[in-house]
């Protein structure tokens, strides 16, 4: 009997849930980025929670570097300049013989005065949600139900967050995914 992984949440810089048996759910991915300054690009430090059926967590962005700023608690991955339409990408792999269904996600975000005001998220090219970015104090709005079903994902999972609406070269921070 094939076990099915269910993507429940992208929490605190991406928390996900796994359907480990039909009808039961457990968190499978959570990244809070710790307390050490973040400078490496790509950022390949293992998340606090990574289900054994997932592997190779890697964060990149379209600017080619990370800036380390305070997050919800500790550090966040951040873009020093969020003007234009920069992207933040998370990739990881689903084990052979497993599938992933994405149902909801959550993450903390914050911008500076002139930073990106909006975000959209896709998973393997499917639009799963969009929203705004708080200025000053960061916000985590809790679980966000996906806008479109993402079912039966195998192999590499690619999560892309696209930013927009910056009024200058301000910052964007992401944590608790």
Protein backbone atom coordinates (compact mmCIF):
# COMPACT_ATOMS: atom_id res chain seq x y z
CA UNK A 1 0.00 0.00 0.00
CA UNK A 2 1.52 3.32 -1.04
CA UNK A 3 1.85 5.93 1.69
CA UNK A 4 0.86 9.38 0.63
CA UNK A 5 2.62 12.55 1.74
CA UNK A 6 0.31 15.51 2.22
CA UNK A 7 1.67 19.03 2.19
CA UNK A 8 -0.28 20.65 5.07
CA UNK A 9 1.65 23.80 5.95
CA UNK A 10 4.60 25.86 4.98
CA UNK A 11 5.05 27.13 8.57
CA UNK A 12 7.63 29.43 10.06
CA UNK A 13 9.59 29.61 6.81
CA UNK A 14 7.69 26.65 5.43
CA UNK A 15 5.88 24.14 7.54
CA UNK A 16 4.31 21.27 5.71
CA UNK A 17 2.28 18.26 6.74
CA UNK A 18 2.56 14.67 5.67
CA UNK A 19 -0.21 12.20 5.19
CA UNK A 20 1.64 9.27 6.71
CA UNK A 21 -1.36 6.98 6.58
CA UNK A 22 -4.67 7.62 4.87
CA UNK A 23 -6.60 10.21 6.86
CA UNK A 24 -3.86 11.15 9.33
CA UNK A 25 -1.64 14.22 9.13
CA UNK A 26 1.70 15.26 10.61
CA UNK A 27 4.01 18.21 10.04
CA UNK A 28 6.76 17.31 7.55
CA UNK A 29 8.67 20.57 6.95
CA UNK A 30 9.43 23.58 9.14
CA UNK A 31 12.22 26.08 8.64
CA UNK A 32 12.83 28.87 11.13
CA UNK A 33 16.39 29.75 9.97
CA UNK A 34 17.88 29.65 13.48
CA UNK A 35 20.00 32.34 15.07
CA UNK A 36 23.16 32.31 12.92
CA UNK A 37 23.61 35.09 10.33
CA UNK A 38 22.71 33.87 6.85
CA UNK A 39 25.20 34.61 4.08
CA UNK A 40 25.52 31.41 2.00
CA UNK A 41 23.67 31.28 -1.33
CA UNK A 42 22.15 28.84 -1.92
CA UNK A 43 21.06 28.32 1.68
CA UNK A 44 21.22 24.55 2.26
CA UNK A 45 21.02 24.31 6.06
CA UNK A 46 18.59 21.54 7.01
CA UNK A 47 15.24 22.70 8.40
CA UNK A 48 14.25 21.98 12.01
CA UNK A 49 11.64 19.49 10.77
CA UNK A 50 12.19 17.46 7.61
CA UNK A 51 10.20 14.25 7.19
CA UNK A 52 12.33 11.22 6.22
CA UNK A 53 10.38 11.03 2.93
CA UNK A 54 11.69 14.50 1.97
CA UNK A 55 15.29 15.51 1.25
CA UNK A 56 17.65 18.14 -0.16
CA UNK A 57 16.10 21.38 1.13
CA UNK A 58 17.65 24.36 -0.69
CA UNK A 59 16.70 28.07 -0.73
CA UNK A 60 17.80 30.39 -3.56
CA UNK A 61 16.70 33.75 -4.92
CA UNK A 62 16.90 35.65 -8.18
CA UNK A 63 19.39 38.19 -6.79
CA UNK A 64 22.05 35.58 -6.03
CA UNK A 65 22.68 36.50 -2.38
CA UNK A 66 21.00 36.52 1.01
CA UNK A 67 21.05 39.25 3.62
CA UNK A 68 20.55 38.23 7.23
CA UNK A 69 18.03 40.26 9.21
CA UNK A 70 16.04 39.50 12.35
CA UNK A 71 13.02 37.29 11.76
CA UNK A 72 10.09 36.33 13.96
CA UNK A 73 12.58 34.83 16.45
CA UNK A 74 16.22 34.66 15.41
CA UNK A 75 17.19 35.20 11.78
CA UNK A 76 15.19 35.36 8.56
CA UNK A 77 16.33 34.89 4.99
CA UNK A 78 16.11 38.29 3.40
CA UNK A 79 16.57 40.32 0.27
CA UNK A 80 18.34 43.63 0.82
CA UNK A 81 16.71 45.01 -2.35
CA UNK A 82 13.20 43.73 -3.17
CA UNK A 83 12.50 46.09 -6.08
CA UNK A 84 11.22 44.72 -9.37
CA UNK A 85 9.88 41.17 -9.19
CA UNK A 86 12.48 39.12 -7.32
CA UNK A 87 11.82 35.47 -6.57
CA UNK A 88 12.63 33.25 -3.62
CA UNK A 89 12.75 29.54 -4.44
CA UNK A 90 12.68 26.49 -2.17
CA UNK A 91 13.36 23.07 -3.65
CA UNK A 92 13.29 19.66 -2.03
CA UNK A 93 12.68 16.10 -3.14
CA UNK A 94 9.91 13.59 -2.42
CA UNK A 95 11.17 10.01 -1.96
CA UNK A 96 10.55 7.51 -4.75
CA UNK A 97 7.17 5.83 -4.45
CA UNK A 98 5.71 8.73 -2.44
CA UNK A 99 3.43 11.58 -3.52
CA UNK A 100 2.72 14.98 -2.06
CA UNK A 101 -0.64 16.78 -1.88
CA UNK A 102 -0.48 20.46 -0.88
CA UNK A 103 -3.51 21.70 1.04
CA UNK A 104 -2.26 24.74 2.99
CA UNK A 105 0.84 26.70 3.99
CA UNK A 106 2.00 29.46 6.31
CA UNK A 107 5.00 31.77 6.65
CA UNK A 108 6.15 34.93 8.45
CA UNK A 109 7.01 37.97 6.33
CA UNK A 110 8.01 41.58 6.77
CA UNK A 111 9.13 44.47 4.58
CA UNK A 112 10.80 47.81 5.08
CA UNK A 113 9.09 51.10 4.18
CA UNK A 114 9.94 50.82 0.47
CA UNK A 115 10.12 47.00 0.23
CA UNK A 116 7.95 44.61 -1.76
CA UNK A 117 4.30 44.94 -0.73
CA UNK A 118 2.90 41.78 -2.37
CA UNK A 119 3.74 38.10 -2.76
CA UNK A 120 2.46 35.24 -4.91
CA UNK A 121 3.39 31.59 -4.48
CA UNK A 122 3.49 28.71 -6.93
CA UNK A 123 4.29 25.07 -6.29
CA UNK A 124 5.54 23.23 -9.36
CA UNK A 125 4.04 26.00 -11.48
CA UNK A 126 0.58 25.91 -9.89
CA UNK A 127 -0.61 29.16 -8.28
CA UNK A 128 -1.36 28.34 -4.62
CA UNK A 129 -1.79 31.78 -3.06
CA UNK A 130 -1.02 35.46 -2.82
CA UNK A 131 -1.13 38.23 -0.26
CA UNK A 132 0.47 41.32 1.19
CA UNK A 133 3.59 41.95 3.23
CA UNK A 134 3.38 43.90 6.49
CA UNK A 135 5.65 46.91 6.99
CA UNK A 136 7.55 47.09 10.25
CA UNK A 137 6.32 44.24 12.46
CA UNK A 138 6.24 40.92 10.67
CA UNK A 139 3.08 38.87 10.30
CA UNK A 140 2.20 35.20 10.07
CA UNK A 141 -1.45 34.87 9.14
CA UNK A 142 -1.66 31.18 10.04
CA UNK A 143 -2.71 28.48 7.62
CA UNK A 144 -3.59 29.65 4.14
CA UNK A 145 -5.59 27.14 2.13
CA UNK A 146 -4.14 26.66 -1.34
CA UNK A 147 -5.98 28.51 -4.11
CA UNK A 148 -5.68 25.54 -6.50
CA UNK A 149 -5.26 21.83 -5.68
CA UNK A 150 -1.71 20.52 -5.90
CA UNK A 151 -1.98 16.75 -5.78
CA UNK A 152 0.22 13.80 -6.57
CA UNK A 153 3.56 15.64 -6.69
CA UNK A 154 6.53 13.30 -7.14
CA UNK A 155 10.26 13.95 -7.46
CA UNK A 156 11.41 17.55 -7.07
CA UNK A 157 9.10 20.08 -5.44
CA UNK A 158 9.72 23.71 -6.43
CA UNK A 159 8.10 26.45 -4.36
CA UNK A 160 8.50 29.95 -5.86
CA UNK A 161 7.54 33.14 -4.02
CA UNK A 162 7.45 36.16 -6.35
CA UNK A 163 7.56 39.63 -4.80
CA UNK A 164 6.17 42.84 -6.28
CA UNK A 165 5.03 46.36 -5.47
CA UNK A 166 8.20 47.81 -3.94
CA UNK A 167 8.29 51.61 -3.99
CA UNK A 168 12.09 51.61 -3.83
CA UNK A 169 14.95 49.28 -3.01
CA UNK A 170 13.64 48.22 0.42
CA UNK A 171 14.04 44.89 2.16
CA UNK A 172 11.94 41.74 2.40
CA UNK A 173 12.26 39.11 5.15
CA UNK A 174 10.88 35.57 5.29
CA UNK A 175 10.84 33.26 8.32
CA UNK A 176 8.90 30.36 9.87
CA UNK A 177 8.09 28.65 6.60
